[in-house]
Each structure stands twice: as structure tokens, then as C-alpha cells.
Amino acid sequence: MPSNCWEEVLPFFSNDKHQIVKMENGHTLADWERMLSEAIRMTPDEPLAIVGWSMGGILALDVLARMHKEAPASISSVKRIVLVSTTLKFTSEDRQLGWPERIMHRMIHKCRASSEVVFQDFAAAMLTQAERHQTERKLAELLVHSSWSHQALLAGLQYLCEADVSQAYVKLLEEKDIQIDWIHGTQDATCPAAALRKLEQRDGEAKGKAGFLWVEQGGHALPLSHPAQLASHIHTLWKRTPMPNGREESLTD
């Protein structure tokens, strides 16, 4: 989705320092990895919260785990990772937990012919029936003005088909200075809520490293359908983050 999907959320952060990593400015996975890692390295002395929505959350876990493996100090500024409507593995043969690979391959094939059709197919799955009345027009306008290239959409679909950040997530959970939180709609069908419920049962609050916040009746497009509630959750999580010298800084992705 284009980065302006955050437009209704950002006003709630007018008093916080933040940066949007505009993924539509890249065309390949390598571009997105470079953009995110550069944004983190630009603020080495400021505590950061990384907020990633959908594929952005998967990419954040992927990049941060890789940076930590190569040079642990490179992510020392990251204090919190907030995963919005995200999953550890987008594909699954169990449709209750993800998208079957055969469907993803079909979408990739369709995308080669028409990226607009694929964008519309994905968008149709993002909203619940109750959300469509207020949010469908906003989502349609975003898609019309989207600057994602055909190459980028293909790269995104391929990444979703192949990515599995389960191990990256476990490694980051082991990092003592990083807290990971999930914000998810109870009716999300794009990154199915059932997959996160399963993860919550496994990790839960007992470890004290993974937190789970649920948006009742929320679908996948929380920045559009529930901007105030989403912003409130992010603010609450950020205020719980231990800060050196009481500083409060944030980075949104």
C-alpha cells in the first residue's frame, strides 16, 4: 500500500519525531532493505520504535534480524517493534492461517498482465463488511493515486510468497533491550487473525517480551479504518518503553 495510508494516523503524532519509509520509492526487495536499514542507521543515538504494517512488519523483522546478526550495535537504538496487521509467514496451505502458495502464484501471474487487478483483489480482502461503508472509498482513492511500480508490486508478491521471518522473530525476542508488540484486527482475513491467536497462545505475556493488542471487529487496513485507536495503541506502547534521560522519539515505518 502507498505510504499515504498513514495520513489519518500521523496527526496523532504531531508532537513526536517520526519518519515514514516510503516503500513505493523502491522497486525491489534490495531497495526496501536498504531504505529501512539506512533510516535506522541515520538515528544511532536516538531511541526508536519501528512500526510496520502488513508486509512492512515482515520486512522490519527480516531487516532488523539481519542487521543484528551482522553487527548487533547497529540496531542498539531500536527499543520497540510494533507490528500492525502483520504475520510471520504469509503463505500457508491452511487458509485459516495464511494464503495458499498456489493462490499467490496465480496472483503473480495475473500481476504480470495487470497490476491494477491484483491491487484491487488485495484491497477487497482488506476490509470487513462493516468497514466498507466508511473506508472503501478512502481505500479506492489511495489505490488510484498509488505510485507503486509494476516491478515493485511483483517484487512484493514474490516476497510475500517466499518470506518466513519466524526465526528472525525468535532471535529479536531474545534481544533483551527490544520489546515486540502486535496490533491486529480480530477480523483480519489478509494476515489471518487465527495465525496471530496461535502465536499469542505460544508466546503470550508470560515471556514479557511479546505483547498482543486486538482491535475488535477490525480488518486488515487498520491505519484507514481505525486510525485513532491504532494511534492510541502505539502511543501507549511507546510510553511504556524505557528511555534514556526520559527522551521520547519515534520512527514509524
Protein backbone atom coordinates (compact mmCIF):
# COMPACT_ATOMS: atom_id res chain seq x y z
CA MET A 1 0.00 0.00 0.00
CA PRO A 2 1.16 3.57 -0.60
CA SER A 3 2.68 5.33 2.41
CA ASN A 4 -0.14 7.90 2.49
CA CYS A 5 -2.31 5.17 4.03
CA TRP A 6 -0.88 6.62 7.29
CA GLU A 7 -2.29 10.12 6.65
CA GLU A 8 -5.08 9.80 9.22
CA VAL A 9 -2.74 8.33 11.84
CA LEU A 10 0.13 10.83 11.61
CA PRO A 11 -1.75 13.86 13.05
CA PHE A 12 -1.82 12.00 16.37
CA PHE A 13 1.99 12.09 16.32
CA SER A 14 2.43 15.78 15.56
CA ASN A 15 4.43 16.22 18.78
CA ASP A 16 6.62 13.18 18.17
CA LYS A 17 9.58 12.91 15.86
CA HIS A 18 8.76 10.40 13.15
CA GLN A 19 9.83 9.30 9.71
CA ILE A 20 7.97 7.39 7.01
CA VAL A 21 9.95 4.89 4.97
CA LYS A 22 8.20 5.21 1.62
CA MET A 23 8.39 1.74 0.18
CA GLU A 24 6.83 2.89 -3.08
CA ASN A 25 10.11 4.75 -3.74
CA GLY A 26 11.79 1.37 -4.14
CA HIS A 27 11.26 -1.25 -6.81
CA THR A 28 12.97 -4.35 -5.41
CA LEU A 29 13.44 -6.15 -2.11
CA ALA A 30 17.03 -4.91 -2.03
CA ASP A 31 15.76 -1.33 -2.35
CA TRP A 32 13.39 -1.74 0.61
CA GLU A 33 16.03 -3.41 2.78
CA ARG A 34 18.47 -0.59 2.04
CA MET A 35 15.89 2.13 2.73
CA LEU A 36 14.91 0.70 6.10
CA SER A 37 18.45 -0.05 7.26
CA GLU A 38 19.57 3.46 6.25
CA ALA A 39 16.70 5.03 8.19
CA ILE A 40 17.76 3.12 11.31
CA ARG A 41 21.43 3.99 10.90
CA MET A 42 20.59 7.69 10.47
CA THR A 43 19.50 7.90 14.12
CA PRO A 44 22.07 5.81 16.02
CA ASP A 45 21.85 7.85 19.23
CA GLU A 46 18.07 8.21 19.46
CA PRO A 47 15.74 5.54 20.86
CA LEU A 48 13.46 4.24 18.12
CA ALA A 49 10.18 2.45 17.76
CA ILE A 50 9.80 0.72 14.41
CA VAL A 51 6.15 0.49 13.34
CA GLY A 52 5.48 -1.78 10.38
CA TRP A 53 2.13 -2.53 8.78
CA SER A 54 1.45 -5.75 6.87
CA MET A 55 4.43 -6.54 4.60
CA GLY A 56 6.25 -3.62 6.22
CA GLY A 57 6.20 -5.51 9.51
CA ILE A 58 7.55 -8.69 7.91
CA LEU A 59 10.31 -6.67 6.25
CA ALA A 60 11.15 -4.89 9.53
CA LEU A 61 11.70 -8.21 11.33
CA ASP A 62 13.74 -9.52 8.41
CA VAL A 63 15.99 -6.46 8.16
CA LEU A 64 16.46 -5.96 11.90
CA ALA A 65 17.42 -9.60 12.48
CA ARG A 66 19.93 -9.44 9.62
CA MET A 67 21.43 -6.17 10.88
CA HIS A 68 21.72 -7.64 14.37
CA LYS A 69 23.47 -10.74 13.06
CA GLU A 70 25.97 -8.66 11.08
CA ALA A 71 26.58 -6.02 13.76
CA PRO A 72 24.48 -6.09 16.96
CA ALA A 73 25.31 -2.47 17.76
CA SER A 74 23.70 -1.35 14.50
CA ILE A 75 20.21 -1.76 16.00
CA SER A 76 21.04 -0.68 19.55
CA SER A 77 18.79 2.37 19.12
CA VAL A 78 15.71 0.17 18.45
CA LYS A 79 13.75 -0.21 21.67
CA ARG A 80 10.39 -1.34 20.37
CA ILE A 81 8.97 -3.05 17.28
CA VAL A 82 5.24 -2.60 16.70
CA LEU A 83 3.76 -4.99 14.14
CA VAL A 84 0.42 -3.86 12.75
CA SER A 85 -1.69 -6.40 10.84
CA THR A 86 1.42 -8.49 10.25
CA THR A 87 2.30 -12.18 10.17
CA LEU A 88 5.46 -14.25 10.37
CA LYS A 89 4.66 -16.25 7.24
CA PHE A 90 2.13 -15.01 4.71
CA THR A 91 1.61 -18.36 2.99
CA SER A 92 0.04 -21.49 4.43
CA GLU A 93 -1.85 -24.42 2.99
CA ASP A 94 -4.30 -23.85 5.85
CA ARG A 95 -6.33 -20.84 4.64
CA GLN A 96 -7.20 -20.06 8.27
CA LEU A 97 -3.52 -19.27 8.85
CA GLY A 98 -2.39 -17.74 5.55
CA TRP A 99 -2.68 -17.70 1.76
CA PRO A 100 -2.01 -20.95 -0.16
CA GLU A 101 1.05 -20.67 -2.39
CA ARG A 102 -0.99 -21.67 -5.44
CA ILE A 103 -3.14 -18.54 -4.96
CA MET A 104 -0.06 -16.36 -4.59
CA HIS A 105 1.47 -17.81 -7.75
CA ARG A 106 -1.82 -17.15 -9.53
CA MET A 107 -1.73 -13.53 -8.34
CA ILE A 108 1.86 -13.14 -9.53
CA HIS A 109 0.81 -14.47 -12.93
CA LYS A 110 -2.13 -12.04 -13.03
CA CYS A 111 0.13 -9.18 -11.94
CA ARG A 112 2.39 -9.68 -14.93
CA ALA A 113 -0.64 -8.89 -17.07
CA SER A 114 -2.28 -6.21 -14.91
CA SER A 115 -1.03 -4.92 -11.56
CA GLU A 116 -4.23 -2.90 -11.10
CA VAL A 117 -6.38 -6.03 -10.96
CA VAL A 118 -4.15 -7.56 -8.27
CA PHE A 119 -4.16 -4.36 -6.22
CA GLN A 120 -7.95 -4.39 -6.34
CA ASP A 121 -8.13 -8.09 -5.39
CA PHE A 122 -5.92 -7.49 -2.35
CA ALA A 123 -7.88 -4.38 -1.40
CA ALA A 124 -11.15 -6.29 -1.47
CA ALA A 125 -9.83 -8.62 1.23
CA MET A 126 -8.59 -5.83 3.49
CA LEU A 127 -11.90 -4.53 4.82
CA THR A 128 -14.64 -6.20 6.81
CA GLN A 129 -18.21 -5.79 5.67
CA ALA A 130 -18.83 -3.28 8.45
CA GLU A 131 -15.75 -1.22 7.48
CA ARG A 132 -16.64 -0.93 3.80
CA HIS A 133 -19.26 1.78 4.26
CA GLN A 134 -16.79 4.29 5.71
CA THR A 135 -13.45 3.08 4.40
CA GLU A 136 -13.92 1.60 0.92
CA ARG A 137 -13.88 5.00 -0.83
CA LYS A 138 -10.70 6.06 1.01
CA LEU A 139 -9.01 2.81 0.05
CA ALA A 140 -10.09 3.19 -3.59
CA GLU A 141 -8.67 6.73 -3.71
CA LEU A 142 -5.36 5.53 -2.30
CA LEU A 143 -5.12 2.85 -4.97
CA VAL A 144 -5.96 5.28 -7.76
CA HIS A 145 -3.14 7.58 -6.64
CA SER A 146 -0.71 4.80 -5.77
CA SER A 147 2.81 5.29 -7.09
CA TRP A 148 3.85 1.66 -6.65
CA SER A 149 5.51 0.49 -9.85
CA HIS A 150 4.57 -2.71 -11.60
CA GLN A 151 8.05 -4.05 -10.77
CA ALA A 152 7.60 -3.22 -7.08
CA LEU A 153 4.22 -4.93 -6.85
CA LEU A 154 5.67 -8.07 -8.44
CA ALA A 155 8.61 -7.97 -6.02
CA GLY A 156 6.23 -7.55 -3.09
CA LEU A 157 4.09 -10.51 -4.11
CA GLN A 158 7.18 -12.67 -4.60
CA TYR A 159 8.49 -11.65 -1.17
CA LEU A 160 5.18 -12.46 0.50
CA CYS A 161 5.21 -15.83 -1.23
CA GLU A 162 8.71 -16.71 0.00
CA ALA A 163 9.30 -14.88 3.28
CA ASP A 164 9.29 -16.68 6.61
CA VAL A 165 10.52 -14.48 9.46
CA SER A 166 9.74 -16.94 12.26
CA GLN A 167 13.41 -17.36 13.16
CA ALA A 168 14.06 -13.63 12.86
CA TYR A 169 11.23 -13.02 15.32
CA VAL A 170 12.62 -15.54 17.82
CA LYS A 171 16.11 -14.00 17.58
CA LEU A 172 14.78 -10.48 18.17
CA LEU A 173 12.68 -11.69 21.12
CA GLU A 174 15.94 -12.86 22.68
CA GLU A 175 17.39 -9.35 22.43
CA LYS A 176 16.96 -8.01 25.97
CA ASP A 177 16.59 -4.34 25.02
CA ILE A 178 13.85 -4.83 22.40
CA GLN A 179 10.14 -5.25 23.08
CA ILE A 180 7.91 -6.60 20.29
CA ASP A 181 4.20 -5.83 20.17
CA TRP A 182 1.43 -6.87 17.83
CA ILE A 183 -1.67 -4.82 16.98
CA HIS A 184 -4.19 -6.83 14.98
CA GLY A 185 -7.82 -6.73 13.91
CA THR A 186 -9.93 -9.60 15.19
CA GLN A 187 -11.50 -9.95 11.72
CA ASP A 188 -8.31 -9.61 9.65
CA ALA A 189 -8.57 -12.01 6.71
CA THR A 190 -5.44 -10.83 4.85
CA CYS A 191 -2.98 -11.72 7.61
CA PRO A 192 -5.45 -14.03 9.34
CA ALA A 193 -6.19 -13.29 12.98
CA ALA A 194 -6.14 -17.04 13.69
CA ALA A 195 -2.40 -17.16 12.92
CA LEU A 196 -1.71 -14.47 15.49
CA ARG A 197 -4.00 -16.09 18.05
CA LYS A 198 -1.89 -19.22 17.68
CA LEU A 199 1.28 -17.19 18.20
CA GLU A 200 -0.25 -15.44 21.21
CA GLN A 201 -1.01 -18.79 22.80
CA ARG A 202 2.60 -19.84 22.27
CA ASP A 203 4.33 -16.63 23.41
CA GLY A 204 1.73 -14.56 25.20
CA GLU A 205 2.52 -12.21 28.03
CA ALA A 206 4.32 -14.88 30.05
CA LYS A 207 7.65 -14.20 28.39
CA GLY A 208 7.19 -10.49 28.90
CA LYS A 209 8.76 -9.84 25.50
CA ALA A 210 5.77 -10.08 23.17
CA GLY A 211 2.57 -8.10 23.66
CA PHE A 212 -0.71 -8.55 21.81
CA LEU A 213 -3.36 -5.84 21.37
CA TRP A 214 -6.57 -6.57 19.49
CA VAL A 215 -8.84 -4.18 17.60
CA GLU A 216 -12.33 -5.62 17.94
CA GLN A 217 -14.08 -6.16 14.60
CA GLY A 218 -11.04 -4.67 12.82
CA GLY A 219 -9.94 -5.89 9.41
CA HIS A 220 -6.52 -5.58 7.79
CA ALA A 221 -6.44 -1.87 6.91
CA LEU A 222 -6.28 -0.51 10.48
CA PRO A 223 -4.49 2.76 9.51
CA LEU A 224 -7.53 3.58 7.37
CA SER A 225 -10.40 2.02 9.29
CA HIS A 226 -9.29 2.64 12.92
CA PRO A 227 -6.67 5.44 12.83
CA ALA A 228 -7.45 6.92 16.27
CA GLN A 229 -7.47 3.56 18.01
CA LEU A 230 -4.29 2.48 16.26
CA ALA A 231 -2.53 5.73 17.20
CA SER A 232 -3.68 5.36 20.80
CA HIS A 233 -2.28 1.84 21.00
CA ILE A 234 1.08 2.94 19.54
CA HIS A 235 1.28 5.89 21.95
CA THR A 236 0.50 3.64 24.91
CA LEU A 237 3.21 1.18 23.91
CA TRP A 238 5.75 3.94 23.37
CA LYS A 239 5.09 5.43 26.80
CA ARG A 240 5.86 2.04 28.34
CA THR A 241 9.27 1.97 26.66
CA PRO A 242 12.22 2.73 29.00
CA MET A 243 14.02 5.80 27.67
CA PRO A 244 17.48 7.11 28.50
CA ASN A 245 17.18 10.56 30.08
CA GLY A 246 13.41 10.41 29.67
CA ARG A 247 13.57 11.16 25.94
CA GLU A 248 10.72 10.18 23.67
CA GLU A 249 11.45 9.66 19.99
CA SER A 250 9.71 7.53 17.41
CA LEU A 251 10.19 6.19 13.93
CA THR A 252 7.18 4.96 12.01
CA ASP A 253 7.54 2.70 9.01
